[in-house]
């Protein structure tokens, strides 16, 4: 019987510390579901972490293992998905060089994230400019069909499609043109202290951001002190960004529809509703926190997961790079 061919998904999160609730509800919780319907490459893009200096090398090694432990604690399964560190698979940077040679530099300067991250900086490394090409290589190296991204990363997938098309037209059909996979549920979780802004680890007000693996009493306190709105009533409205944010968090964490949350908590006051949100979030996170604490103590197990993922990814990368190098005129690959 012929094995069913699944579409390929490639995605990852930079090892910059702990996931926050927005990362989880907007991305990782959905990855856990996708892994059973797609062939998934969930990698750790540690080379991308070098584009925003200064960083501490020893800390980057530590956070790479931490991110893998977070992936696993959040439900990514190494038995059905491929988990690996970007820097350990030969092919990512090689393909990025090939792709960079066919892309006009002006296109990079027009990238929204480069303009935003380089603004008012004393030092801007060329790696930050080149970042979208490496991201394109991460995707095309495995011939991804879909890339789960937020709206702010959609431009990078469009650039990846453009590069794939340029290569195919120049050297013959090689790459699949990947499609952005925009999550439809709870894609944006907002700050608890300023619900007009996305939840972010870089928020100066740490009470606005819930880290997945911080103490539960801190999580409870942050939600109870969340900014709400004038008036009353538990319902979503553009005029009620604070309570709307809490409703969407509760809907995301319990897998309920927003409308069901509004019906269920009709008549609640803000204080009681925030208590319910806090209890639901903590109840959901407790098993993940316990699992993370077990995993982070077992580096040999984490290393074994990375080695297994690397071996599979390297075999796939070798096949693609052999094809690419032959087409662009190199003698051989590997």
C-alpha atoms as a PDB file:
ATOM      1  CA  UNK A   1       0.000   0.000   0.000  1.00  0.00           C
ATOM      2  CA  UNK A   2       1.444   3.376  -0.992  1.00  0.00           C
ATOM      3  CA  UNK A   3       2.249   5.668   1.932  1.00  0.00           C
ATOM      4  CA  UNK A   4       0.058   8.770   2.138  1.00  0.00           C
ATOM      5  CA  UNK A   5       1.914  11.926   1.153  1.00  0.00           C
ATOM      6  CA  UNK A   6       1.380  14.732   3.615  1.00  0.00           C
ATOM      7  CA  UNK A   7       1.958  18.374   2.845  1.00  0.00           C
ATOM      8  CA  UNK A   8       5.056  19.814   4.496  1.00  0.00           C
ATOM      9  CA  UNK A   9       5.033  22.573   7.123  1.00  0.00           C
ATOM     10  CA  UNK A  10       8.196  24.373   8.272  1.00  0.00           C
ATOM     11  CA  UNK A  11       8.259  26.819  11.165  1.00  0.00           C
ATOM     12  CA  UNK A  12      10.147  27.737  14.313  1.00  0.00           C
ATOM     13  CA  UNK A  13      10.611  30.271  17.097  1.00  0.00           C
ATOM     14  CA  UNK A  14      13.816  32.052  18.042  1.00  0.00           C
ATOM     15  CA  UNK A  15      15.482  30.911  21.292  1.00  0.00           C
ATOM     16  CA  UNK A  16      15.140  34.260  23.041  1.00  0.00           C
ATOM     17  CA  UNK A  17      13.738  33.089  26.372  1.00  0.00           C
ATOM     18  CA  UNK A  18      10.402  31.767  27.541  1.00  0.00           C
ATOM     19  CA  UNK A  19       7.280  31.633  25.397  1.00  0.00           C
ATOM     20  CA  UNK A  20       4.582  34.040  26.466  1.00  0.00           C
ATOM     21  CA  UNK A  21       0.855  33.375  26.277  1.00  0.00           C
ATOM     22  CA  UNK A  22       0.591  35.151  22.926  1.00  0.00           C
ATOM     23  CA  UNK A  23       3.262  32.872  21.413  1.00  0.00           C
ATOM     24  CA  UNK A  24       1.386  29.846  22.696  1.00  0.00           C
ATOM     25  CA  UNK A  25      -2.184  30.737  21.742  1.00  0.00           C
ATOM     26  CA  UNK A  26      -1.200  32.428  18.481  1.00  0.00           C
ATOM     27  CA  UNK A  27       1.223  29.766  17.263  1.00  0.00           C
ATOM     28  CA  UNK A  28       2.529  26.821  19.296  1.00  0.00           C
ATOM     29  CA  UNK A  29      -0.851  25.485  20.454  1.00  0.00           C
ATOM     30  CA  UNK A  30      -1.878  25.370  16.795  1.00  0.00           C
ATOM     31  CA  UNK A  31       1.390  23.667  15.769  1.00  0.00           C
ATOM     32  CA  UNK A  32       0.525  20.855  18.169  1.00  0.00           C
ATOM     33  CA  UNK A  33      -2.655  20.226  16.186  1.00  0.00           C
ATOM     34  CA  UNK A  34      -1.054  20.613  12.763  1.00  0.00           C
ATOM     35  CA  UNK A  35       1.623  17.967  13.396  1.00  0.00           C
ATOM     36  CA  UNK A  36      -0.882  15.134  12.942  1.00  0.00           C
ATOM     37  CA  UNK A  37      -2.179  16.372   9.592  1.00  0.00           C
ATOM     38  CA  UNK A  38       1.115  17.571   8.030  1.00  0.00           C
ATOM     39  CA  UNK A  39       4.738  16.488   7.924  1.00  0.00           C
ATOM     40  CA  UNK A  40       6.155  19.124  10.248  1.00  0.00           C
ATOM     41  CA  UNK A  41       9.687  20.477  10.598  1.00  0.00           C
ATOM     42  CA  UNK A  42       9.749  22.472  13.856  1.00  0.00           C
ATOM     43  CA  UNK A  43      13.247  23.866  14.049  1.00  0.00           C
ATOM     44  CA  UNK A  44      15.093  26.191  16.424  1.00  0.00           C
ATOM     45  CA  UNK A  45      16.363  29.144  14.339  1.00  0.00           C
ATOM     46  CA  UNK A  46      19.424  29.908  16.471  1.00  0.00           C
ATOM     47  CA  UNK A  47      21.332  31.433  13.532  1.00  0.00           C
ATOM     48  CA  UNK A  48      18.632  34.098  13.308  1.00  0.00           C
ATOM     49  CA  UNK A  49      19.326  34.975  16.952  1.00  0.00           C
ATOM     50  CA  UNK A  50      22.735  36.335  15.904  1.00  0.00           C
ATOM     51  CA  UNK A  51      21.134  39.165  13.917  1.00  0.00           C
ATOM     52  CA  UNK A  52      20.347  41.253  17.009  1.00  0.00           C
ATOM     53  CA  UNK A  53      23.589  41.778  18.938  1.00  0.00           C
ATOM     54  CA  UNK A  54      24.743  41.939  21.594  1.00  0.00           C
ATOM     55  CA  UNK A  55      23.987  38.393  22.704  1.00  0.00           C
ATOM     56  CA  UNK A  56      25.843  36.017  25.046  1.00  0.00           C
ATOM     57  CA  UNK A  57      27.030  32.823  23.279  1.00  0.00           C
ATOM     58  CA  UNK A  58      26.720  30.665  26.398  1.00  0.00           C
ATOM     59  CA  UNK A  59      23.207  32.000  26.949  1.00  0.00           C
ATOM     60  CA  UNK A  60      22.247  31.172  23.353  1.00  0.00           C
ATOM     61  CA  UNK A  61      23.346  27.556  23.848  1.00  0.00           C
ATOM     62  CA  UNK A  62      21.299  27.399  27.060  1.00  0.00           C
ATOM     63  CA  UNK A  63      18.174  28.922  25.507  1.00  0.00           C
ATOM     64  CA  UNK A  64      18.406  26.525  22.545  1.00  0.00           C
ATOM     65  CA  UNK A  65      17.929  23.579  24.917  1.00  0.00           C
ATOM     66  CA  UNK A  66      15.281  25.541  26.824  1.00  0.00           C
ATOM     67  CA  UNK A  67      13.305  26.195  23.641  1.00  0.00           C
ATOM     68  CA  UNK A  68      13.347  22.501  22.742  1.00  0.00           C
ATOM     69  CA  UNK A  69      12.050  21.677  26.233  1.00  0.00           C
ATOM     70  CA  UNK A  70       9.301  24.273  25.743  1.00  0.00           C
ATOM     71  CA  UNK A  71       8.380  22.768  22.350  1.00  0.00           C
ATOM     72  CA  UNK A  72       8.007  19.354  23.977  1.00  0.00           C
ATOM     73  CA  UNK A  73       6.148  20.647  27.032  1.00  0.00           C
ATOM     74  CA  UNK A  74       3.692  22.424  24.723  1.00  0.00           C
ATOM     75  CA  UNK A  75       2.855  19.150  22.998  1.00  0.00           C
ATOM     76  CA  UNK A  76       5.177  18.886  19.986  1.00  0.00           C
ATOM     77  CA  UNK A  77       5.824  15.162  19.559  1.00  0.00           C
ATOM     78  CA  UNK A  78       9.259  14.003  18.298  1.00  0.00           C
ATOM     79  CA  UNK A  79       7.664  10.720  17.212  1.00  0.00           C
ATOM     80  CA  UNK A  80       5.566  12.493  14.571  1.00  0.00           C
ATOM     81  CA  UNK A  81       7.473  15.782  14.010  1.00  0.00           C
ATOM     82  CA  UNK A  82      11.070  16.672  13.164  1.00  0.00           C
ATOM     83  CA  UNK A  83      12.703  18.827  15.870  1.00  0.00           C
ATOM     84  CA  UNK A  84      16.217  20.176  15.312  1.00  0.00           C
ATOM     85  CA  UNK A  85      18.515  23.171  15.660  1.00  0.00           C
ATOM     86  CA  UNK A  86      18.982  25.201  12.476  1.00  0.00           C
ATOM     87  CA  UNK A  87      22.757  25.591  12.951  1.00  0.00           C
ATOM     88  CA  UNK A  88      23.289  21.814  13.103  1.00  0.00           C
ATOM     89  CA  UNK A  89      21.901  21.073   9.643  1.00  0.00           C
ATOM     90  CA  UNK A  90      24.262  21.879   6.765  1.00  0.00           C
ATOM     91  CA  UNK A  91      22.346  23.516   3.948  1.00  0.00           C
ATOM     92  CA  UNK A  92      20.510  26.452   5.519  1.00  0.00           C
ATOM     93  CA  UNK A  93      23.341  28.951   5.066  1.00  0.00           C
ATOM     94  CA  UNK A  94      24.493  27.417   1.757  1.00  0.00           C
ATOM     95  CA  UNK A  95      21.050  27.765   0.214  1.00  0.00           C
ATOM     96  CA  UNK A  96      20.754  31.297   1.632  1.00  0.00           C
ATOM     97  CA  UNK A  97      23.923  32.265  -0.271  1.00  0.00           C
ATOM     98  CA  UNK A  98      22.574  30.853  -3.537  1.00  0.00           C
ATOM     99  CA  UNK A  99      19.241  32.630  -3.086  1.00  0.00           C
ATOM    100  CA  UNK A 100      20.925  35.896  -2.124  1.00  0.00           C
ATOM    101  CA  UNK A 101      22.789  35.901  -5.417  1.00  0.00           C
ATOM    102  CA  UNK A 102      19.524  36.128  -7.391  1.00  0.00           C
ATOM    103  CA  UNK A 103      17.763  38.748  -5.255  1.00  0.00           C
ATOM    104  CA  UNK A 104      18.119  42.521  -5.851  1.00  0.00           C
ATOM    105  CA  UNK A 105      19.383  44.174  -2.665  1.00  0.00           C
ATOM    106  CA  UNK A 106      16.762  46.910  -2.932  1.00  0.00           C
ATOM    107  CA  UNK A 107      14.091  44.342  -2.187  1.00  0.00           C
ATOM    108  CA  UNK A 108      15.693  43.662   1.189  1.00  0.00           C
ATOM    109  CA  UNK A 109      15.812  47.335   2.135  1.00  0.00           C
ATOM    110  CA  UNK A 110      12.065  47.514   1.547  1.00  0.00           C
ATOM    111  CA  UNK A 111      11.278  44.758   4.077  1.00  0.00           C
ATOM    112  CA  UNK A 112       9.058  46.164   6.821  1.00  0.00           C
ATOM    113  CA  UNK A 113      10.765  44.342   9.695  1.00  0.00           C
ATOM    114  CA  UNK A 114      14.231  45.505   8.635  1.00  0.00           C
ATOM    115  CA  UNK A 115      13.077  49.112   8.566  1.00  0.00           C
ATOM    116  CA  UNK A 116      11.444  48.768  11.967  1.00  0.00           C
ATOM    117  CA  UNK A 117      14.321  46.944  13.691  1.00  0.00           C
ATOM    118  CA  UNK A 118      17.086  49.112  12.222  1.00  0.00           C
ATOM    119  CA  UNK A 119      15.447  52.419  13.075  1.00  0.00           C
ATOM    120  CA  UNK A 120      17.392  54.600  15.531  1.00  0.00           C
ATOM    121  CA  UNK A 121      20.092  51.950  16.036  1.00  0.00           C
ATOM    122  CA  UNK A 122      23.781  52.842  16.353  1.00  0.00           C
ATOM    123  CA  UNK A 123      24.788  49.473  14.893  1.00  0.00           C
ATOM    124  CA  UNK A 124      22.860  47.443  12.318  1.00  0.00           C
ATOM    125  CA  UNK A 125      24.556  44.224  11.222  1.00  0.00           C
ATOM    126  CA  UNK A 126      24.178  43.071   7.647  1.00  0.00           C
ATOM    127  CA  UNK A 127      22.733  39.829   9.052  1.00  0.00           C
ATOM    128  CA  UNK A 128      19.572  41.738   9.914  1.00  0.00           C
ATOM    129  CA  UNK A 129      19.262  42.802   6.281  1.00  0.00           C
ATOM    130  CA  UNK A 130      19.980  39.257   5.092  1.00  0.00           C
ATOM    131  CA  UNK A 131      17.578  37.678   7.614  1.00  0.00           C
ATOM    132  CA  UNK A 132      14.671  37.199   5.129  1.00  0.00           C
ATOM    133  CA  UNK A 133      16.932  35.288   2.719  1.00  0.00           C
ATOM    134  CA  UNK A 134      17.989  32.878   5.455  1.00  0.00           C
ATOM    135  CA  UNK A 135      14.331  32.501   6.395  1.00  0.00           C
ATOM    136  CA  UNK A 136      13.535  31.712   2.753  1.00  0.00           C
ATOM    137  CA  UNK A 137      16.299  29.099   2.748  1.00  0.00           C
ATOM    138  CA  UNK A 138      14.888  27.539   5.940  1.00  0.00           C
ATOM    139  CA  UNK A 139      11.574  27.072   4.140  1.00  0.00           C
ATOM    140  CA  UNK A 140      12.727  26.071   0.659  1.00  0.00           C
ATOM    141  CA  UNK A 141      15.373  23.624   1.888  1.00  0.00           C
ATOM    142  CA  UNK A 142      12.540  21.268   2.862  1.00  0.00           C
ATOM    143  CA  UNK A 143      10.186  22.252   0.014  1.00  0.00           C
ATOM    144  CA  UNK A 144       7.510  23.414   2.443  1.00  0.00           C
ATOM    145  CA  UNK A 145       3.958  23.646   1.162  1.00  0.00           C
ATOM    146  CA  UNK A 146       2.776  25.848   4.052  1.00  0.00           C
ATOM    147  CA  UNK A 147       4.383  28.185   6.580  1.00  0.00           C
ATOM    148  CA  UNK A 148       2.430  29.102   9.735  1.00  0.00           C
ATOM    149  CA  UNK A 149       3.049  32.817  10.270  1.00  0.00           C
ATOM    150  CA  UNK A 150       1.476  35.842  11.860  1.00  0.00           C
ATOM    151  CA  UNK A 151       0.431  38.817   9.777  1.00  0.00           C
ATOM    152  CA  UNK A 152       3.760  40.553  10.550  1.00  0.00           C
ATOM    153  CA  UNK A 153       5.707  37.700   8.909  1.00  0.00           C
ATOM    154  CA  UNK A 154       3.537  37.356   5.814  1.00  0.00           C
ATOM    155  CA  UNK A 155       5.864  39.627   3.790  1.00  0.00           C
ATOM    156  CA  UNK A 156       8.722  37.176   4.402  1.00  0.00           C
ATOM    157  CA  UNK A 157       6.713  34.300   2.926  1.00  0.00           C
ATOM    158  CA  UNK A 158       5.917  36.467  -0.090  1.00  0.00           C
ATOM    159  CA  UNK A 159       9.659  37.075  -0.542  1.00  0.00           C
ATOM    160  CA  UNK A 160      10.259  33.322  -0.228  1.00  0.00           C
ATOM    161  CA  UNK A 161       7.726  32.661  -2.981  1.00  0.00           C
ATOM    162  CA  UNK A 162       9.402  35.309  -5.144  1.00  0.00           C
ATOM    163  CA  UNK A 163      12.821  33.713  -4.635  1.00  0.00           C
ATOM    164  CA  UNK A 164      11.478  30.237  -5.408  1.00  0.00           C
ATOM    165  CA  UNK A 165       9.901  31.531  -8.598  1.00  0.00           C
ATOM    166  CA  UNK A 166      13.079  33.362  -9.640  1.00  0.00           C
ATOM    167  CA  UNK A 167      15.164  30.233  -9.103  1.00  0.00           C
ATOM    168  CA  UNK A 168      12.681  28.021 -10.961  1.00  0.00           C
ATOM    169  CA  UNK A 169      12.584  30.402 -13.931  1.00  0.00           C
ATOM    170  CA  UNK A 170      16.370  30.810 -14.008  1.00  0.00           C
ATOM    171  CA  UNK A 171      17.510  27.220 -13.405  1.00  0.00           C
ATOM    172  CA  UNK A 172      14.360  25.065 -14.045  1.00  0.00           C
ATOM    173  CA  UNK A 173      11.590  23.862 -11.737  1.00  0.00           C
ATOM    174  CA  UNK A 174      13.027  23.039  -8.313  1.00  0.00           C
ATOM    175  CA  UNK A 175      11.068  24.574  -5.434  1.00  0.00           C
ATOM    176  CA  UNK A 176       7.461  24.457  -4.335  1.00  0.00           C
ATOM    177  CA  UNK A 177       5.981  27.940  -3.889  1.00  0.00           C
ATOM    178  CA  UNK A 178       4.935  27.889  -0.215  1.00  0.00           C
ATOM    179  CA  UNK A 179       1.683  29.360   1.022  1.00  0.00           C
ATOM    180  CA  UNK A 180       1.365  31.341   4.263  1.00  0.00           C
ATOM    181  CA  UNK A 181      -0.761  29.491   6.801  1.00  0.00           C
ATOM    182  CA  UNK A 182      -2.432  32.221   8.854  1.00  0.00           C
ATOM    183  CA  UNK A 183      -3.955  30.917  12.067  1.00  0.00           C
ATOM    184  CA  UNK A 184      -7.593  31.920  12.321  1.00  0.00           C
ATOM    185  CA  UNK A 185      -8.056  31.516  16.076  1.00  0.00           C
ATOM    186  CA  UNK A 186      -6.589  33.848  18.691  1.00  0.00           C
ATOM    187  CA  UNK A 187      -3.828  35.038  16.373  1.00  0.00           C
ATOM    188  CA  UNK A 188      -3.214  38.197  18.403  1.00  0.00           C
ATOM    189  CA  UNK A 189      -3.061  38.259  22.192  1.00  0.00           C
ATOM    190  CA  UNK A 190      -2.679  41.737  23.616  1.00  0.00           C
ATOM    191  CA  UNK A 191      -0.865  43.191  26.602  1.00  0.00           C
ATOM    192  CA  UNK A 192      -2.771  42.926  29.859  1.00  0.00           C
ATOM    193  CA  UNK A 193      -1.706  46.476  30.720  1.00  0.00           C
ATOM    194  CA  UNK A 194      -2.155  48.070  27.286  1.00  0.00           C
ATOM    195  CA  UNK A 195      -4.642  46.027  25.252  1.00  0.00           C
ATOM    196  CA  UNK A 196      -4.035  48.186  22.184  1.00  0.00           C
ATOM    197  CA  UNK A 197      -0.589  46.538  21.810  1.00  0.00           C
ATOM    198  CA  UNK A 198       0.470  42.934  21.196  1.00  0.00           C
ATOM    199  CA  UNK A 199       1.693  40.930  24.172  1.00  0.00           C
ATOM    200  CA  UNK A 200       5.489  40.995  24.032  1.00  0.00           C
ATOM    201  CA  UNK A 201       8.502  39.906  26.066  1.00  0.00           C
ATOM    202  CA  UNK A 202      10.088  43.284  25.330  1.00  0.00           C
ATOM    203  CA  UNK A 203       7.213  45.176  26.972  1.00  0.00           C
ATOM    204  CA  UNK A 204       8.660  47.566  29.563  1.00  0.00           C
ATOM    205  CA  UNK A 205       5.686  46.788  31.811  1.00  0.00           C
ATOM    206  CA  UNK A 206       6.263  43.128  32.744  1.00  0.00           C
ATOM    207  CA  UNK A 207       2.749  42.890  34.200  1.00  0.00           C
ATOM    208  CA  UNK A 208       1.381  43.038  30.653  1.00  0.00           C
ATOM    209  CA  UNK A 209       2.971  39.723  29.604  1.00  0.00           C
ATOM    210  CA  UNK A 210       2.277  36.205  30.888  1.00  0.00           C
ATOM    211  CA  UNK A 211       5.229  33.844  30.506  1.00  0.00           C
ATOM    212  CA  UNK A 212       4.150  30.216  30.164  1.00  0.00           C
ATOM    213  CA  UNK A 213       6.583  28.864  32.725  1.00  0.00           C
ATOM    214  CA  UNK A 214       6.570  31.586  35.366  1.00  0.00           C
ATOM    215  CA  UNK A 215       5.105  30.859  38.835  1.00  0.00           C
ATOM    216  CA  UNK A 216       1.341  30.426  38.867  1.00  0.00           C
ATOM    217  CA  UNK A 217       0.880  33.017  41.620  1.00  0.00           C
ATOM    218  CA  UNK A 218       2.538  35.605  39.343  1.00  0.00           C
ATOM    219  CA  UNK A 219       0.191  34.620  36.488  1.00  0.00           C
ATOM    220  CA  UNK A 220      -2.834  34.932  38.764  1.00  0.00           C
ATOM    221  CA  UNK A 221      -1.728  38.367  39.965  1.00  0.00           C
ATOM    222  CA  UNK A 222      -1.108  39.647  36.420  1.00  0.00           C
ATOM    223  CA  UNK A 223      -4.535  38.607  35.167  1.00  0.00           C
ATOM    224  CA  UNK A 224      -6.307  39.956  38.234  1.00  0.00           C
ATOM    225  CA  UNK A 225      -4.591  43.335  37.680  1.00  0.00           C
ATOM    226  CA  UNK A 226      -5.328  43.382  33.927  1.00  0.00           C
ATOM    227  CA  UNK A 227      -6.639  46.662  32.551  1.00  0.00           C
ATOM    228  CA  UNK A 228     -10.358  46.582  31.823  1.00  0.00           C
ATOM    229  CA  UNK A 229     -12.731  49.192  30.453  1.00  0.00           C
ATOM    230  CA  UNK A 230     -15.342  51.628  31.634  1.00  0.00           C
ATOM    231  CA  UNK A 231     -18.867  50.340  31.989  1.00  0.00           C
ATOM    232  CA  UNK A 232     -19.741  46.706  32.584  1.00  0.00           C
ATOM    233  CA  UNK A 233     -20.698  43.572  30.706  1.00  0.00           C
ATOM    234  CA  UNK A 234     -18.622  40.649  29.431  1.00  0.00           C
ATOM    235  CA  UNK A 235     -18.727  41.061  25.665  1.00  0.00           C
ATOM    236  CA  UNK A 236     -16.339  41.895  22.824  1.00  0.00           C
ATOM    237  CA  UNK A 237     -16.354  45.381  21.376  1.00  0.00           C
ATOM    238  CA  UNK A 238     -13.809  47.783  19.812  1.00  0.00           C
ATOM    239  CA  UNK A 239     -14.715  50.125  22.688  1.00  0.00           C
ATOM    240  CA  UNK A 240     -13.777  47.417  25.225  1.00  0.00           C
ATOM    241  CA  UNK A 241     -10.249  46.281  24.247  1.00  0.00           C
ATOM    242  CA  UNK A 242      -9.355  45.148  27.771  1.00  0.00           C
ATOM    243  CA  UNK A 243     -12.285  42.823  28.339  1.00  0.00           C
ATOM    244  CA  UNK A 244     -12.178  41.696  24.687  1.00  0.00           C
ATOM    245  CA  UNK A 245      -8.570  40.604  25.201  1.00  0.00           C
ATOM    246  CA  UNK A 246      -9.504  38.568  28.289  1.00  0.00           C
ATOM    247  CA  UNK A 247     -12.452  36.951  26.482  1.00  0.00           C
ATOM    248  CA  UNK A 248     -10.212  35.944  23.574  1.00  0.00           C
ATOM    249  CA  UNK A 249      -7.577  34.557  25.962  1.00  0.00           C
ATOM    250  CA  UNK A 250     -10.220  32.443  27.719  1.00  0.00           C
ATOM    251  CA  UNK A 251     -11.662  31.295  24.385  1.00  0.00           C
ATOM    252  CA  UNK A 252      -8.195  30.302  23.158  1.00  0.00           C
ATOM    253  CA  UNK A 253      -7.167  28.480  26.318  1.00  0.00           C
ATOM    254  CA  UNK A 254     -10.452  26.518  26.581  1.00  0.00           C
ATOM    255  CA  UNK A 255     -11.031  25.954  22.830  1.00  0.00           C
ATOM    256  CA  UNK A 256     -14.398  27.669  22.994  1.00  0.00           C
ATOM    257  CA  UNK A 257     -15.947  30.202  20.667  1.00  0.00           C
ATOM    258  CA  UNK A 258     -15.916  33.835  21.743  1.00  0.00           C
ATOM    259  CA  UNK A 259     -19.723  33.873  21.515  1.00  0.00           C
ATOM    260  CA  UNK A 260     -19.924  30.948  23.944  1.00  0.00           C
ATOM    261  CA  UNK A 261     -17.710  32.776  26.445  1.00  0.00           C
ATOM    262  CA  UNK A 262     -19.918  35.862  26.193  1.00  0.00           C
ATOM    263  CA  UNK A 263     -23.047  33.760  26.864  1.00  0.00           C
ATOM    264  CA  UNK A 264     -21.487  31.753  29.678  1.00  0.00           C
ATOM    265  CA  UNK A 265     -20.245  34.782  31.618  1.00  0.00           C
ATOM    266  CA  UNK A 266     -23.176  37.120  30.987  1.00  0.00           C
ATOM    267  CA  UNK A 267     -23.910  38.977  34.217  1.00  0.00           C
ATOM    268  CA  UNK A 268     -20.425  38.500  35.715  1.00  0.00           C
ATOM    269  CA  UNK A 269     -18.607  41.544  37.021  1.00  0.00           C
ATOM    270  CA  UNK A 270     -15.067  42.251  35.838  1.00  0.00           C
ATOM    271  CA  UNK A 271     -13.392  41.016  39.019  1.00  0.00           C
ATOM    272  CA  UNK A 272     -15.129  37.627  38.991  1.00  0.00           C
ATOM    273  CA  UNK A 273     -14.501  37.205  35.264  1.00  0.00           C
ATOM    274  CA  UNK A 274     -10.785  37.930  35.647  1.00  0.00           C
ATOM    275  CA  UNK A 275     -10.636  35.321  38.432  1.00  0.00           C
ATOM    276  CA  UNK A 276     -12.218  32.755  36.089  1.00  0.00           C
ATOM    277  CA  UNK A 277      -9.761  33.623  33.310  1.00  0.00           C
ATOM    278  CA  UNK A 278      -6.807  33.319  35.707  1.00  0.00           C
ATOM    279  CA  UNK A 279      -7.979  29.938  37.017  1.00  0.00           C
ATOM    280  CA  UNK A 280      -8.527  28.562  33.497  1.00  0.00           C
ATOM    281  CA  UNK A 281      -5.108  29.730  32.284  1.00  0.00           C
ATOM    282  CA  UNK A 282      -3.323  28.289  35.328  1.00  0.00           C
ATOM    283  CA  UNK A 283      -5.182  24.973  35.100  1.00  0.00           C
ATOM    284  CA  UNK A 284      -4.157  24.655  31.456  1.00  0.00           C
ATOM    285  CA  UNK A 285      -0.517  25.599  32.052  1.00  0.00           C
ATOM    286  CA  UNK A 286       0.212  23.536  35.173  1.00  0.00           C
ATOM    287  CA  UNK A 287       0.854  20.188  33.386  1.00  0.00           C
ATOM    288  CA  UNK A 288       3.046  21.959  30.820  1.00  0.00           C
ATOM    289  CA  UNK A 289       5.054  23.649  33.576  1.00  0.00           C
ATOM    290  CA  UNK A 290       5.587  20.303  35.336  1.00  0.00           C
ATOM    291  CA  UNK A 291       6.698  18.674  32.083  1.00  0.00           C
ATOM    292  CA  UNK A 292       9.099  21.523  31.316  1.00  0.00           C
ATOM    293  CA  UNK A 293      10.751  21.225  34.736  1.00  0.00           C
ATOM    294  CA  UNK A 294      11.317  17.504  34.107  1.00  0.00           C
ATOM    295  CA  UNK A 295      12.689  18.028  30.595  1.00  0.00           C
ATOM    296  CA  UNK A 296      15.085  20.887  31.308  1.00  0.00           C
ATOM    297  CA  UNK A 297      16.904  18.713  33.858  1.00  0.00           C
ATOM    298  CA  UNK A 298      17.528  15.953  31.300  1.00  0.00           C
ATOM    299  CA  UNK A 299      19.907  17.465  28.735  1.00  0.00           C
ATOM    300  CA  UNK A 300      20.952  14.023  27.452  1.00  0.00           C
ATOM    301  CA  UNK A 301      17.343  13.344  26.436  1.00  0.00           C
ATOM    302  CA  UNK A 302      17.054  16.761  24.783  1.00  0.00           C
ATOM    303  CA  UNK A 303      20.345  16.126  22.962  1.00  0.00           C
ATOM    304  CA  UNK A 304      19.015  12.784  21.696  1.00  0.00           C
ATOM    305  CA  UNK A 305      15.871  14.485  20.332  1.00  0.00           C
ATOM    306  CA  UNK A 306      18.014  17.066  18.509  1.00  0.00           C
ATOM    307  CA  UNK A 307      20.291  14.370  17.081  1.00  0.00           C
ATOM    308  CA  UNK A 308      17.356  12.366  15.761  1.00  0.00           C
ATOM    309  CA  UNK A 309      15.749  15.433  14.207  1.00  0.00           C
ATOM    310  CA  UNK A 310      19.056  16.573  12.741  1.00  0.00           C
ATOM    311  CA  UNK A 311      19.687  13.211  11.071  1.00  0.00           C
ATOM    312  CA  UNK A 312      16.323  13.259   9.324  1.00  0.00           C
ATOM    313  CA  UNK A 313      16.528  16.942   8.351  1.00  0.00           C
ATOM    314  CA  UNK A 314      20.096  16.551   7.079  1.00  0.00           C
ATOM    315  CA  UNK A 315      19.116  13.736   4.742  1.00  0.00           C
ATOM    316  CA  UNK A 316      16.315  15.878   3.303  1.00  0.00           C
ATOM    317  CA  UNK A 317      18.601  18.934   3.080  1.00  0.00           C
ATOM    318  CA  UNK A 318      21.334  16.956   1.308  1.00  0.00           C
ATOM    319  CA  UNK A 319      18.942  15.843  -1.402  1.00  0.00           C
ATOM    320  CA  UNK A 320      17.738  19.387  -2.004  1.00  0.00           C
ATOM    321  CA  UNK A 321      21.216  20.946  -1.970  1.00  0.00           C
ATOM    322  CA  UNK A 322      22.599  18.308  -4.349  1.00  0.00           C
ATOM    323  CA  UNK A 323      19.872  19.275  -6.791  1.00  0.00           C
ATOM    324  CA  UNK A 324      20.416  23.031  -6.264  1.00  0.00           C
ATOM    325  CA  UNK A 325      24.206  22.875  -6.611  1.00  0.00           C
ATOM    326  CA  UNK A 326      23.971  20.810  -9.780  1.00  0.00           C
ATOM    327  CA  UNK A 327      21.557  23.316 -11.321  1.00  0.00           C
ATOM    328  CA  UNK A 328      23.648  26.388 -10.461  1.00  0.00           C
ATOM    329  CA  UNK A 329      26.853  24.894 -11.855  1.00  0.00           C
ATOM    330  CA  UNK A 330      28.717  23.618  -8.789  1.00  0.00           C
ATOM    331  CA  UNK A 331      30.695  20.388  -9.161  1.00  0.00           C
ATOM    332  CA  UNK A 332      29.011  18.507  -6.321  1.00  0.00           C
ATOM    333  CA  UNK A 333      27.474  18.892  -2.885  1.00  0.00           C
ATOM    334  CA  UNK A 334      28.688  17.129   0.224  1.00  0.00           C
END
